[in-house]
Amino acid sequence: INHPEFKDWEVARGDERTRIIEPYFPTLKGKRVLDIGACLGHFSRWAERKGAQVDAIEGFGTFYQTAKLINTIEGTDVTYHKSDVVEWVDRNPLQFDLTICLSIIHNIAQQGRPQDALRVLRLLSERSEQMLFDIGEEGEKGDQVSQLGLDLTKSNLPEFIRKNTTYTNIVKIGTEKEYCNRDLYL
């Protein structure tokens, strides 16, 4: 959080994903960005500071309220929506230049909605020129992801993206190792 009040706070997840993503987006000036499952809004504010017009979706009330508060504290202008991701995507057929889809699709599946997770992933890819993507993998938190009905493993992640989105050019941009050893794709 870019505020002196929080400078000494330790966070569970550091800035490694941002450092991996940063070289691919030196600017987002004039772009429309969607951040789904925004949590506390780190990537929403990052995109806004790079010049993007940003919509961010967060379903958990505490995270939504905190993201809005930090948005005000940092002086960014992200539009936060408190909504279930599936419901928001179904109601809003908007087009975006970039969708930030980090650590969310497996969460939808974990709610007992694997088919909704796949449908949302497909719809978002149809509505966005590019997507930043990662997903929980086998071995994480007791191997919960392989039990979700998504036919997903770390070794087939690029094929999973190809099969369940409209994207054909899928590039691994790095692996987050500080927190949970997830591969990041664009």
C-alpha atoms as a PDB file:
ATOM      1  CA  ILE A   1       0.000   0.000   0.000  1.00  0.00           C
ATOM      2  CA  ASN A   2       1.528   3.230  -1.153  1.00  0.00           C
ATOM      3  CA  HIS A   3       1.055   5.275   2.024  1.00  0.00           C
ATOM      4  CA  PRO A   4       3.476   6.092   4.866  1.00  0.00           C
ATOM      5  CA  GLU A   5       1.030   4.677   7.436  1.00  0.00           C
ATOM      6  CA  PHE A   6       1.552   1.188   5.985  1.00  0.00           C
ATOM      7  CA  LYS A   7       5.288   1.325   5.134  1.00  0.00           C
ATOM      8  CA  ASP A   8       6.325  -1.152   7.842  1.00  0.00           C
ATOM      9  CA  TRP A   9       3.530  -3.651   7.280  1.00  0.00           C
ATOM     10  CA  GLU A  10       4.530  -7.123   6.195  1.00  0.00           C
ATOM     11  CA  VAL A  11       2.345  -8.754   3.599  1.00  0.00           C
ATOM     12  CA  ALA A  12       1.800 -12.442   2.954  1.00  0.00           C
ATOM     13  CA  ARG A  13       2.295 -12.030  -0.768  1.00  0.00           C
ATOM     14  CA  GLY A  14       5.089  -9.744  -1.867  1.00  0.00           C
ATOM     15  CA  ASP A  15       5.528  -7.813  -5.081  1.00  0.00           C
ATOM     16  CA  GLU A  16       6.979 -10.661  -7.155  1.00  0.00           C
ATOM     17  CA  ARG A  17       3.994 -11.004  -9.502  1.00  0.00           C
ATOM     18  CA  THR A  18       4.146  -7.277 -10.234  1.00  0.00           C
ATOM     19  CA  ARG A  19       7.863  -7.537 -11.065  1.00  0.00           C
ATOM     20  CA  ILE A  20       7.124 -10.423 -13.450  1.00  0.00           C
ATOM     21  CA  ILE A  21       4.238  -8.614 -15.166  1.00  0.00           C
ATOM     22  CA  GLU A  22       5.757  -5.117 -15.281  1.00  0.00           C
ATOM     23  CA  PRO A  23       8.028  -5.575 -18.368  1.00  0.00           C
ATOM     24  CA  TYR A  24       5.029  -6.606 -20.491  1.00  0.00           C
ATOM     25  CA  PHE A  25       3.102  -3.435 -19.688  1.00  0.00           C
ATOM     26  CA  PRO A  26       5.357  -0.379 -19.525  1.00  0.00           C
ATOM     27  CA  THR A  27       2.208   1.688 -20.090  1.00  0.00           C
ATOM     28  CA  LEU A  28      -1.524   1.103 -20.210  1.00  0.00           C
ATOM     29  CA  LYS A  29      -2.393   4.638 -21.260  1.00  0.00           C
ATOM     30  CA  GLY A  30      -5.799   4.768 -22.914  1.00  0.00           C
ATOM     31  CA  LYS A  31      -6.536   1.081 -22.241  1.00  0.00           C
ATOM     32  CA  ARG A  32      -9.595  -0.411 -20.541  1.00  0.00           C
ATOM     33  CA  VAL A  33      -8.650  -2.954 -17.900  1.00  0.00           C
ATOM     34  CA  LEU A  34     -10.816  -5.365 -15.926  1.00  0.00           C
ATOM     35  CA  ASP A  35      -9.495  -6.887 -12.695  1.00  0.00           C
ATOM     36  CA  ILE A  36     -11.658  -9.814 -11.628  1.00  0.00           C
ATOM     37  CA  GLY A  37     -11.418 -11.025  -8.061  1.00  0.00           C
ATOM     38  CA  ALA A  38      -9.510  -7.847  -7.238  1.00  0.00           C
ATOM     39  CA  CYS A  39      -9.066  -8.652  -3.533  1.00  0.00           C
ATOM     40  CA  LEU A  40      -7.514  -5.487  -2.039  1.00  0.00           C
ATOM     41  CA  GLY A  41      -7.029  -3.950  -5.481  1.00  0.00           C
ATOM     42  CA  HIS A  42      -3.242  -4.090  -5.856  1.00  0.00           C
ATOM     43  CA  PHE A  43      -3.325  -4.852  -9.592  1.00  0.00           C
ATOM     44  CA  SER A  44      -6.281  -2.517 -10.170  1.00  0.00           C
ATOM     45  CA  ARG A  45      -4.340   0.410  -8.753  1.00  0.00           C
ATOM     46  CA  TRP A  46      -1.173  -0.709 -10.576  1.00  0.00           C
ATOM     47  CA  ALA A  47      -3.035  -0.608 -13.924  1.00  0.00           C
ATOM     48  CA  GLU A  48      -4.654   2.735 -13.117  1.00  0.00           C
ATOM     49  CA  ARG A  49      -1.261   4.278 -12.277  1.00  0.00           C
ATOM     50  CA  LYS A  50      -0.065   3.079 -15.702  1.00  0.00           C
ATOM     51  CA  GLY A  51      -2.810   5.117 -17.360  1.00  0.00           C
ATOM     52  CA  ALA A  52      -5.660   2.604 -17.706  1.00  0.00           C
ATOM     53  CA  GLN A  53      -9.341   3.085 -17.048  1.00  0.00           C
ATOM     54  CA  VAL A  54      -9.977   0.239 -14.583  1.00  0.00           C
ATOM     55  CA  ASP A  55     -13.048  -1.671 -13.453  1.00  0.00           C
ATOM     56  CA  ALA A  56     -12.453  -4.123 -10.613  1.00  0.00           C
ATOM     57  CA  ILE A  57     -14.777  -6.840  -9.340  1.00  0.00           C
ATOM     58  CA  GLU A  58     -14.643  -8.096  -5.747  1.00  0.00           C
ATOM     59  CA  GLY A  59     -17.336 -10.169  -4.094  1.00  0.00           C
ATOM     60  CA  PHE A  60     -16.138 -10.225  -0.485  1.00  0.00           C
ATOM     61  CA  GLY A  61     -17.418  -7.191   1.403  1.00  0.00           C
ATOM     62  CA  THR A  62     -14.339  -6.654   3.569  1.00  0.00           C
ATOM     63  CA  PHE A  63     -11.956  -6.869   0.604  1.00  0.00           C
ATOM     64  CA  TYR A  64     -14.219  -4.583  -1.476  1.00  0.00           C
ATOM     65  CA  GLN A  65     -14.428  -1.947   1.260  1.00  0.00           C
ATOM     66  CA  THR A  66     -10.675  -2.121   1.914  1.00  0.00           C
ATOM     67  CA  ALA A  67      -9.870  -1.810  -1.802  1.00  0.00           C
ATOM     68  CA  LYS A  68     -12.090   1.271  -2.043  1.00  0.00           C
ATOM     69  CA  LEU A  69     -10.424   2.777   1.040  1.00  0.00           C
ATOM     70  CA  ILE A  70      -6.918   2.167  -0.318  1.00  0.00           C
ATOM     71  CA  ASN A  71      -8.054   3.584  -3.668  1.00  0.00           C
ATOM     72  CA  THR A  72      -8.935   6.814  -1.832  1.00  0.00           C
ATOM     73  CA  ILE A  73      -5.758   6.808   0.291  1.00  0.00           C
ATOM     74  CA  GLU A  74      -3.541   6.330  -2.767  1.00  0.00           C
ATOM     75  CA  GLY A  75      -5.498   8.813  -4.876  1.00  0.00           C
ATOM     76  CA  THR A  76      -6.203   6.326  -7.658  1.00  0.00           C
ATOM     77  CA  ASP A  77      -9.436   6.283  -9.638  1.00  0.00           C
ATOM     78  CA  VAL A  78     -10.403   2.617  -9.954  1.00  0.00           C
ATOM     79  CA  THR A  79     -14.110   1.809 -10.242  1.00  0.00           C
ATOM     80  CA  TYR A  80     -14.769  -1.047  -7.807  1.00  0.00           C
ATOM     81  CA  HIS A  81     -17.870  -3.222  -8.105  1.00  0.00           C
ATOM     82  CA  LYS A  82     -19.021  -5.399  -5.210  1.00  0.00           C
ATOM     83  CA  SER A  83     -20.342  -8.420  -7.025  1.00  0.00           C
ATOM     84  CA  ASP A  84     -19.981 -12.106  -7.571  1.00  0.00           C
ATOM     85  CA  VAL A  85     -17.657 -12.445 -10.594  1.00  0.00           C
ATOM     86  CA  VAL A  86     -19.992 -14.826 -12.467  1.00  0.00           C
ATOM     87  CA  GLU A  87     -23.000 -12.549 -11.977  1.00  0.00           C
ATOM     88  CA  TRP A  88     -21.046  -9.433 -13.004  1.00  0.00           C
ATOM     89  CA  VAL A  89     -19.691 -11.039 -16.183  1.00  0.00           C
ATOM     90  CA  ASP A  90     -23.186 -12.268 -17.087  1.00  0.00           C
ATOM     91  CA  ARG A  91     -24.666  -8.757 -16.612  1.00  0.00           C
ATOM     92  CA  ASN A  92     -21.873  -6.719 -18.226  1.00  0.00           C
ATOM     93  CA  PRO A  93     -20.859  -7.646 -21.778  1.00  0.00           C
ATOM     94  CA  LEU A  94     -18.235  -4.875 -21.836  1.00  0.00           C
ATOM     95  CA  GLN A  95     -15.058  -5.055 -23.902  1.00  0.00           C
ATOM     96  CA  PHE A  96     -11.588  -4.621 -22.383  1.00  0.00           C
ATOM     97  CA  ASP A  97      -8.052  -4.370 -23.666  1.00  0.00           C
ATOM     98  CA  LEU A  98      -6.717  -6.401 -20.743  1.00  0.00           C
ATOM     99  CA  THR A  99      -8.320  -8.631 -18.148  1.00  0.00           C
ATOM    100  CA  ILE A 100      -6.373  -9.386 -14.992  1.00  0.00           C
ATOM    101  CA  CYS A 101      -7.449 -12.904 -14.044  1.00  0.00           C
ATOM    102  CA  LEU A 102      -5.093 -13.827 -11.227  1.00  0.00           C
ATOM    103  CA  SER A 103      -6.010 -16.525  -8.725  1.00  0.00           C
ATOM    104  CA  ILE A 104      -9.755 -16.386  -9.348  1.00  0.00           C
ATOM    105  CA  ILE A 105     -10.987 -19.085 -11.764  1.00  0.00           C
ATOM    106  CA  HIS A 106     -10.147 -21.908  -9.344  1.00  0.00           C
ATOM    107  CA  ASN A 107     -11.968 -19.982  -6.580  1.00  0.00           C
ATOM    108  CA  ILE A 108     -15.181 -20.032  -8.617  1.00  0.00           C
ATOM    109  CA  ALA A 109     -14.754 -23.775  -9.110  1.00  0.00           C
ATOM    110  CA  GLN A 110     -14.081 -24.225  -5.381  1.00  0.00           C
ATOM    111  CA  GLN A 111     -17.531 -22.755  -4.729  1.00  0.00           C
ATOM    112  CA  GLY A 112     -18.959 -25.846  -6.441  1.00  0.00           C
ATOM    113  CA  ARG A 113     -19.291 -24.105  -9.808  1.00  0.00           C
ATOM    114  CA  PRO A 114     -16.642 -25.578 -12.149  1.00  0.00           C
ATOM    115  CA  GLN A 115     -18.834 -25.099 -15.232  1.00  0.00           C
ATOM    116  CA  ASP A 116     -19.405 -21.432 -14.313  1.00  0.00           C
ATOM    117  CA  ALA A 117     -15.643 -21.022 -13.926  1.00  0.00           C
ATOM    118  CA  LEU A 118     -15.055 -22.363 -17.431  1.00  0.00           C
ATOM    119  CA  ARG A 119     -17.916 -20.320 -18.915  1.00  0.00           C
ATOM    120  CA  VAL A 120     -16.653 -17.087 -17.312  1.00  0.00           C
ATOM    121  CA  LEU A 121     -13.137 -17.777 -18.518  1.00  0.00           C
ATOM    122  CA  ARG A 122     -14.436 -18.226 -22.081  1.00  0.00           C
ATOM    123  CA  LEU A 123     -16.616 -15.094 -21.933  1.00  0.00           C
ATOM    124  CA  LEU A 124     -13.791 -12.973 -20.559  1.00  0.00           C
ATOM    125  CA  SER A 125     -11.459 -14.136 -23.319  1.00  0.00           C
ATOM    126  CA  GLU A 126     -14.093 -13.204 -25.913  1.00  0.00           C
ATOM    127  CA  ARG A 127     -14.350  -9.717 -24.397  1.00  0.00           C
ATOM    128  CA  SER A 128     -10.695  -8.954 -23.818  1.00  0.00           C
ATOM    129  CA  GLU A 129      -7.787  -8.665 -26.218  1.00  0.00           C
ATOM    130  CA  GLN A 130      -5.318  -9.969 -23.600  1.00  0.00           C
ATOM    131  CA  MET A 131      -5.516 -11.705 -20.245  1.00  0.00           C
ATOM    132  CA  LEU A 132      -3.035 -12.076 -17.423  1.00  0.00           C
ATOM    133  CA  PHE A 133      -3.727 -15.496 -16.038  1.00  0.00           C
ATOM    134  CA  ASP A 134      -2.755 -17.839 -13.272  1.00  0.00           C
ATOM    135  CA  ILE A 135      -4.672 -20.524 -11.470  1.00  0.00           C
ATOM    136  CA  GLY A 136      -4.274 -22.653  -8.404  1.00  0.00           C
ATOM    137  CA  GLU A 137      -2.455 -25.867  -9.193  1.00  0.00           C
ATOM    138  CA  GLU A 138      -2.188 -29.399  -7.915  1.00  0.00           C
ATOM    139  CA  GLY A 139      -0.329 -29.665  -4.638  1.00  0.00           C
ATOM    140  CA  GLU A 140      -1.530 -26.283  -3.469  1.00  0.00           C
ATOM    141  CA  LYS A 141      -3.515 -26.364  -0.223  1.00  0.00           C
ATOM    142  CA  GLY A 142      -3.857 -30.117  -0.100  1.00  0.00           C
ATOM    143  CA  ASP A 143      -4.238 -30.693  -3.838  1.00  0.00           C
ATOM    144  CA  GLN A 144      -7.622 -28.979  -3.891  1.00  0.00           C
ATOM    145  CA  VAL A 145      -7.382 -27.781  -7.492  1.00  0.00           C
ATOM    146  CA  SER A 146      -7.110 -31.198  -9.128  1.00  0.00           C
ATOM    147  CA  GLN A 147     -10.339 -32.120  -7.341  1.00  0.00           C
ATOM    148  CA  LEU A 148     -12.366 -29.274  -8.872  1.00  0.00           C
ATOM    149  CA  GLY A 149     -13.547 -30.924 -12.066  1.00  0.00           C
ATOM    150  CA  LEU A 150     -11.515 -28.594 -14.286  1.00  0.00           C
ATOM    151  CA  ASP A 151      -9.134 -31.216 -15.733  1.00  0.00           C
ATOM    152  CA  LEU A 152      -6.225 -29.002 -14.710  1.00  0.00           C
ATOM    153  CA  THR A 153      -2.658 -29.818 -13.801  1.00  0.00           C
ATOM    154  CA  LYS A 154       0.471 -27.681 -13.804  1.00  0.00           C
ATOM    155  CA  SER A 155       1.793 -29.555 -16.824  1.00  0.00           C
ATOM    156  CA  ASN A 156      -1.346 -28.950 -18.915  1.00  0.00           C
ATOM    157  CA  LEU A 157      -1.991 -25.318 -17.914  1.00  0.00           C
ATOM    158  CA  PRO A 158      -1.180 -23.820 -21.361  1.00  0.00           C
ATOM    159  CA  GLU A 159      -3.406 -26.414 -23.026  1.00  0.00           C
ATOM    160  CA  PHE A 160      -6.128 -25.739 -20.429  1.00  0.00           C
ATOM    161  CA  ILE A 161      -6.045 -22.033 -21.356  1.00  0.00           C
ATOM    162  CA  ARG A 162      -6.064 -22.812 -25.097  1.00  0.00           C
ATOM    163  CA  LYS A 163      -8.992 -25.219 -24.689  1.00  0.00           C
ATOM    164  CA  ASN A 164     -11.105 -22.939 -22.470  1.00  0.00           C
ATOM    165  CA  THR A 165     -10.477 -19.498 -24.000  1.00  0.00           C
ATOM    166  CA  THR A 166     -10.347 -17.904 -27.425  1.00  0.00           C
ATOM    167  CA  TYR A 167      -6.605 -17.234 -27.072  1.00  0.00           C
ATOM    168  CA  THR A 168      -4.166 -19.037 -29.343  1.00  0.00           C
ATOM    169  CA  ASN A 169      -0.914 -17.238 -28.455  1.00  0.00           C
ATOM    170  CA  ILE A 170      -0.253 -18.148 -24.822  1.00  0.00           C
ATOM    171  CA  VAL A 171       3.072 -17.143 -23.309  1.00  0.00           C
ATOM    172  CA  LYS A 172       4.416 -18.102 -19.912  1.00  0.00           C
ATOM    173  CA  ILE A 173       5.860 -14.844 -18.559  1.00  0.00           C
ATOM    174  CA  GLY A 174       7.275 -16.199 -15.309  1.00  0.00           C
ATOM    175  CA  THR A 175       6.745 -18.206 -12.154  1.00  0.00           C
ATOM    176  CA  GLU A 176       5.850 -16.657  -8.837  1.00  0.00           C
ATOM    177  CA  LYS A 177       7.993 -18.468  -6.280  1.00  0.00           C
ATOM    178  CA  GLU A 178       7.812 -16.336  -3.131  1.00  0.00           C
ATOM    179  CA  TYR A 179       4.229 -17.237  -2.341  1.00  0.00           C
ATOM    180  CA  CYS A 180       3.013 -20.378  -4.048  1.00  0.00           C
ATOM    181  CA  ASN A 181       4.996 -21.395  -7.149  1.00  0.00           C
ATOM    182  CA  ARG A 182       2.377 -20.427  -9.734  1.00  0.00           C
ATOM    183  CA  ASP A 183       3.097 -19.920 -13.401  1.00  0.00           C
ATOM    184  CA  LEU A 184       1.851 -16.659 -14.915  1.00  0.00           C
ATOM    185  CA  TYR A 185       0.625 -16.517 -18.504  1.00  0.00           C
ATOM    186  CA  LEU A 186      -0.309 -13.787 -20.931  1.00  0.00           C
END
